[in-house]
Amino acid sequence: MTKERKYERLNCFAPPEKIVSERKYNLILGGTILYGLLINVLMCRYFPAVQLAESVGTLGLFIGYIALTIAGVVISASSKNAGVSFLGYNLIVLPIGVMVTILVTAYGGLRSSVVISAFWYTGVITLIMCAAAAAFPRFFARIGGFLFSALIGLMVVGFLTWLIPGMTSFYSIAGAVIFSLYIGYDMFRSQVYPKTADNAVDCAVDIYLDIINLFIMLLQIFGNRDN
């Protein structure tokens, strides 16, 4: 998302007819997040992601994933229309669902202890961080720069894990901490923006990605523990 779009979301002088009530805003926000997560759960249950990966190949799957997610982020971030932003959201949810399905299958499927543990811990942490965002807004208002720097550091560590396999556990734990804090931070930010339907969908994209990344990190943590 461009700096201009962030500034616009924060300082939007939306026409009165575009402002919705706080309750409706949060219903759109929460409903959009739950919609994306439910789609991913259904994909893990019914979508033949492994067969798709075998048919198109790893490179083809990766290119499709990158192309669709970038398109979804650009569409959602640049649009001022909630319906168009929701279309972009779906372009993010679907390819991520394919990747999550492959990971879940690799860890034994939806009924495996690793996946179930990661699922429940993700839910509990998400609820805790949402409550913390409401209870300690000043804390989350200050940590944006720190989280961004930590995320860059995590990307560097992620690259190093290819060279030093022993760093995998540290990478997963650090990632889980960072994305947990990001859930609280993005939830805090969602309440600062003007209450429009489009902003609700845009914020849902951010929080959805935080939750998915947390789930993936927890999968790795519990998978390493069981191994």
Protein backbone atom coordinates (compact mmCIF):
# COMPACT_ATOMS: atom_id res chain seq x y z
CA MET A 1 0.00 0.00 0.00
CA THR A 2 1.37 3.41 -0.94
CA LYS A 3 2.03 6.10 1.63
CA GLU A 4 -0.58 8.22 -0.11
CA ARG A 5 -3.24 5.54 0.35
CA LYS A 6 -2.37 5.12 4.04
CA TYR A 7 -2.61 8.86 4.55
CA GLU A 8 -5.88 8.93 2.67
CA ARG A 9 -7.37 6.17 4.81
CA LEU A 10 -6.31 7.93 8.00
CA ASN A 11 -7.31 11.44 6.98
CA CYS A 12 -10.26 10.61 4.79
CA PHE A 13 -12.89 13.33 4.63
CA ALA A 14 -15.56 10.89 3.54
CA PRO A 15 -18.97 12.22 2.60
CA PRO A 16 -21.45 11.72 5.46
CA GLU A 17 -23.36 9.14 3.41
CA LYS A 18 -20.26 6.90 3.30
CA ILE A 19 -19.74 6.90 7.07
CA VAL A 20 -21.32 3.92 8.78
CA SER A 21 -22.01 3.31 12.44
CA GLU A 22 -19.25 1.84 14.58
CA ARG A 23 -21.27 -1.34 15.00
CA LYS A 24 -21.80 -1.78 11.27
CA TYR A 25 -18.14 -0.98 10.59
CA ASN A 26 -16.94 -3.66 13.00
CA LEU A 27 -19.48 -6.16 11.67
CA ILE A 28 -18.12 -5.64 8.16
CA LEU A 29 -14.56 -5.89 9.48
CA GLY A 30 -15.14 -9.05 11.50
CA GLY A 31 -17.40 -10.65 8.90
CA THR A 32 -14.85 -10.11 6.13
CA ILE A 33 -12.07 -11.66 8.22
CA LEU A 34 -14.22 -14.67 9.16
CA TYR A 35 -15.30 -15.09 5.54
CA GLY A 36 -11.69 -15.38 4.39
CA LEU A 37 -10.77 -17.82 7.16
CA LEU A 38 -13.86 -19.96 6.49
CA ILE A 39 -13.01 -20.14 2.78
CA ASN A 40 -9.53 -21.36 3.72
CA VAL A 41 -10.92 -24.01 6.07
CA LEU A 42 -13.27 -25.26 3.34
CA MET A 43 -10.39 -25.33 0.87
CA CYS A 44 -8.34 -27.40 3.32
CA ARG A 45 -11.24 -29.83 3.52
CA TYR A 46 -12.33 -30.08 -0.11
CA PHE A 47 -9.90 -28.40 -2.52
CA PRO A 48 -7.35 -30.74 -4.22
CA ALA A 49 -4.43 -28.35 -3.76
CA VAL A 50 -1.78 -31.08 -3.80
CA GLN A 51 -3.06 -32.41 -7.12
CA LEU A 52 -3.06 -28.87 -8.48
CA ALA A 53 0.54 -28.40 -7.38
CA GLU A 54 1.54 -31.65 -9.09
CA SER A 55 -0.18 -30.69 -12.33
CA VAL A 56 1.15 -27.13 -12.70
CA GLY A 57 4.49 -27.66 -10.98
CA THR A 58 6.13 -25.77 -8.16
CA LEU A 59 7.22 -22.86 -10.34
CA GLY A 60 3.79 -22.47 -11.94
CA LEU A 61 2.11 -22.58 -8.54
CA PHE A 62 4.50 -19.98 -7.14
CA ILE A 63 4.04 -17.62 -10.10
CA GLY A 64 0.25 -17.92 -9.85
CA TYR A 65 0.37 -17.32 -6.11
CA ILE A 66 2.53 -14.19 -6.44
CA ALA A 67 0.52 -12.78 -9.36
CA LEU A 68 -2.89 -13.21 -7.71
CA THR A 69 -1.87 -11.97 -4.25
CA ILE A 70 -0.12 -8.88 -5.64
CA ALA A 71 -3.14 -8.15 -7.84
CA GLY A 72 -5.44 -8.58 -4.84
CA VAL A 73 -3.38 -6.28 -2.62
CA VAL A 74 -3.16 -3.60 -5.33
CA ILE A 75 -6.89 -3.74 -6.09
CA SER A 76 -7.89 -3.65 -2.43
CA ALA A 77 -5.43 -0.91 -1.47
CA SER A 78 -6.14 1.37 -4.42
CA SER A 79 -9.93 1.12 -4.49
CA LYS A 80 -12.29 3.39 -2.57
CA ASN A 81 -15.23 1.09 -3.25
CA ALA A 82 -15.97 -1.65 -0.71
CA GLY A 83 -17.17 -4.07 -3.41
CA VAL A 84 -14.01 -3.69 -5.46
CA SER A 85 -11.85 -4.00 -2.34
CA PHE A 86 -13.72 -7.20 -1.48
CA LEU A 87 -12.90 -8.56 -4.94
CA GLY A 88 -9.23 -7.85 -4.24
CA TYR A 89 -9.62 -9.58 -0.89
CA ASN A 90 -10.83 -12.73 -2.62
CA LEU A 91 -7.84 -12.65 -4.95
CA ILE A 92 -5.69 -12.81 -1.81
CA VAL A 93 -7.74 -15.41 0.05
CA LEU A 94 -7.87 -18.00 -2.73
CA PRO A 95 -4.15 -18.41 -3.54
CA ILE A 96 -3.26 -18.25 0.16
CA GLY A 97 -5.90 -20.95 0.70
CA VAL A 98 -4.09 -23.18 -1.80
CA MET A 99 -0.78 -22.72 0.02
CA VAL A 100 -2.35 -23.27 3.45
CA THR A 101 -4.08 -26.41 2.16
CA ILE A 102 -0.75 -27.82 0.98
CA LEU A 103 0.83 -27.04 4.36
CA VAL A 104 -2.07 -28.54 6.32
CA THR A 105 -1.89 -31.68 4.17
CA ALA A 106 1.84 -31.92 4.82
CA TYR A 107 1.18 -31.78 8.58
CA GLY A 108 -1.38 -34.60 8.47
CA GLY A 109 -4.64 -32.88 7.50
CA LEU A 110 -7.30 -31.03 9.44
CA ARG A 111 -7.63 -33.76 12.06
CA SER A 112 -3.95 -34.01 12.96
CA SER A 113 -2.91 -32.87 16.43
CA VAL A 114 -0.44 -30.37 14.95
CA VAL A 115 -3.10 -28.62 12.85
CA ILE A 116 -5.71 -28.67 15.60
CA SER A 117 -3.24 -27.20 18.12
CA ALA A 118 -2.18 -24.48 15.67
CA PHE A 119 -5.83 -23.69 14.92
CA TRP A 120 -6.88 -23.30 18.55
CA TYR A 121 -3.80 -21.34 19.59
CA THR A 122 -4.28 -19.00 16.64
CA GLY A 123 -7.88 -18.38 17.70
CA VAL A 124 -6.98 -17.75 21.34
CA ILE A 125 -4.06 -15.46 20.52
CA THR A 126 -6.21 -13.51 18.04
CA LEU A 127 -8.90 -12.90 20.64
CA ILE A 128 -6.31 -11.88 23.25
CA MET A 129 -4.61 -9.44 20.90
CA CYS A 130 -7.91 -7.91 19.80
CA ALA A 131 -8.82 -7.36 23.45
CA ALA A 132 -5.36 -5.95 24.15
CA ALA A 133 -5.71 -3.51 21.25
CA ALA A 134 -8.86 -2.14 22.86
CA ALA A 135 -7.38 -2.07 26.37
CA PHE A 136 -3.92 -0.66 25.55
CA PRO A 137 -4.26 1.56 22.46
CA ARG A 138 -1.28 3.76 23.42
CA PHE A 139 1.05 0.76 23.45
CA PHE A 140 0.02 -0.37 19.98
CA ALA A 141 0.16 3.19 18.68
CA ARG A 142 3.89 3.24 19.46
CA ILE A 143 5.06 -0.10 18.08
CA GLY A 144 4.41 0.32 14.36
CA GLY A 145 8.02 1.21 13.52
CA PHE A 146 9.38 -1.55 15.72
CA LEU A 147 7.12 -4.16 14.10
CA PHE A 148 8.12 -3.09 10.60
CA SER A 149 11.81 -3.39 11.50
CA ALA A 150 11.16 -6.74 13.17
CA LEU A 151 9.37 -7.98 10.05
CA ILE A 152 12.35 -7.02 7.87
CA GLY A 153 14.61 -8.86 10.31
CA LEU A 154 12.34 -11.89 10.18
CA MET A 155 12.63 -11.96 6.39
CA VAL A 156 16.43 -11.99 6.72
CA VAL A 157 16.27 -14.81 9.27
CA GLY A 158 13.90 -16.69 6.98
CA PHE A 159 16.51 -16.54 4.22
CA LEU A 160 19.22 -17.71 6.62
CA THR A 161 17.15 -20.77 7.59
CA TRP A 162 17.79 -22.09 4.08
CA LEU A 163 21.50 -21.96 4.85
CA ILE A 164 21.38 -22.83 8.57
CA PRO A 165 18.52 -25.32 9.23
CA GLY A 166 19.07 -25.06 12.99
CA MET A 167 17.56 -21.56 12.95
CA THR A 168 14.13 -22.84 11.90
CA SER A 169 12.77 -23.03 15.44
CA PHE A 170 13.94 -19.51 16.28
CA TYR A 171 12.42 -18.22 13.04
CA SER A 172 9.03 -19.79 13.80
CA ILE A 173 8.88 -18.53 17.39
CA ALA A 174 10.01 -15.02 16.45
CA GLY A 175 7.48 -14.99 13.61
CA ALA A 176 4.67 -16.07 15.93
CA VAL A 177 5.49 -13.24 18.34
CA ILE A 178 5.73 -10.63 15.57
CA PHE A 179 2.48 -11.60 13.86
CA SER A 180 0.67 -11.82 17.20
CA LEU A 181 1.64 -8.22 17.88
CA TYR A 182 0.69 -7.29 14.33
CA ILE A 183 -2.84 -8.57 14.95
CA GLY A 184 -3.19 -6.17 17.88
CA TYR A 185 -1.51 -3.35 15.97
CA ASP A 186 -3.68 -3.69 12.86
CA MET A 187 -6.80 -4.07 15.00
CA PHE A 188 -5.86 -0.83 16.78
CA ARG A 189 -5.31 0.92 13.43
CA SER A 190 -8.65 -0.32 12.13
CA GLN A 191 -10.39 1.66 14.86
CA VAL A 192 -8.48 4.85 14.04
CA TYR A 193 -9.51 5.06 10.39
CA PRO A 194 -12.78 6.76 9.39
CA LYS A 195 -15.65 4.30 9.68
CA THR A 196 -16.39 3.51 6.03
CA ALA A 197 -17.22 0.14 4.51
CA ASP A 198 -14.17 0.35 2.24
CA ASN A 199 -11.82 0.98 5.17
CA ALA A 200 -13.38 -1.97 7.00
CA VAL A 201 -12.58 -4.29 4.09
CA ASP A 202 -9.07 -2.86 3.68
CA CYS A 203 -8.34 -3.36 7.39
CA ALA A 204 -9.76 -6.88 7.20
CA VAL A 205 -7.12 -7.69 4.56
CA ASP A 206 -4.33 -6.64 6.95
CA ILE A 207 -5.70 -8.60 9.92
CA TYR A 208 -6.49 -11.67 7.81
CA LEU A 209 -2.88 -11.81 6.60
CA ASP A 210 -1.62 -11.44 10.19
CA ILE A 211 -3.79 -14.35 11.33
CA ILE A 212 -2.76 -16.60 8.45
CA ASN A 213 0.93 -15.90 9.05
CA LEU A 214 0.51 -16.61 12.76
CA PHE A 215 -1.20 -19.91 11.94
CA ILE A 216 1.65 -20.92 9.62
CA MET A 217 4.26 -20.09 12.26
CA LEU A 218 2.37 -22.11 14.87
CA LEU A 219 2.11 -25.03 12.44
CA GLN A 220 5.88 -25.02 12.20
CA ILE A 221 6.32 -24.74 15.96
CA PHE A 222 4.00 -27.63 16.79
CA GLY A 223 5.28 -29.65 13.85
CA ASN A 224 8.89 -29.28 15.03
CA ARG A 225 7.84 -30.22 18.56
CA ASP A 226 6.15 -33.41 17.40
CA ASN A 227 9.06 -34.31 15.15
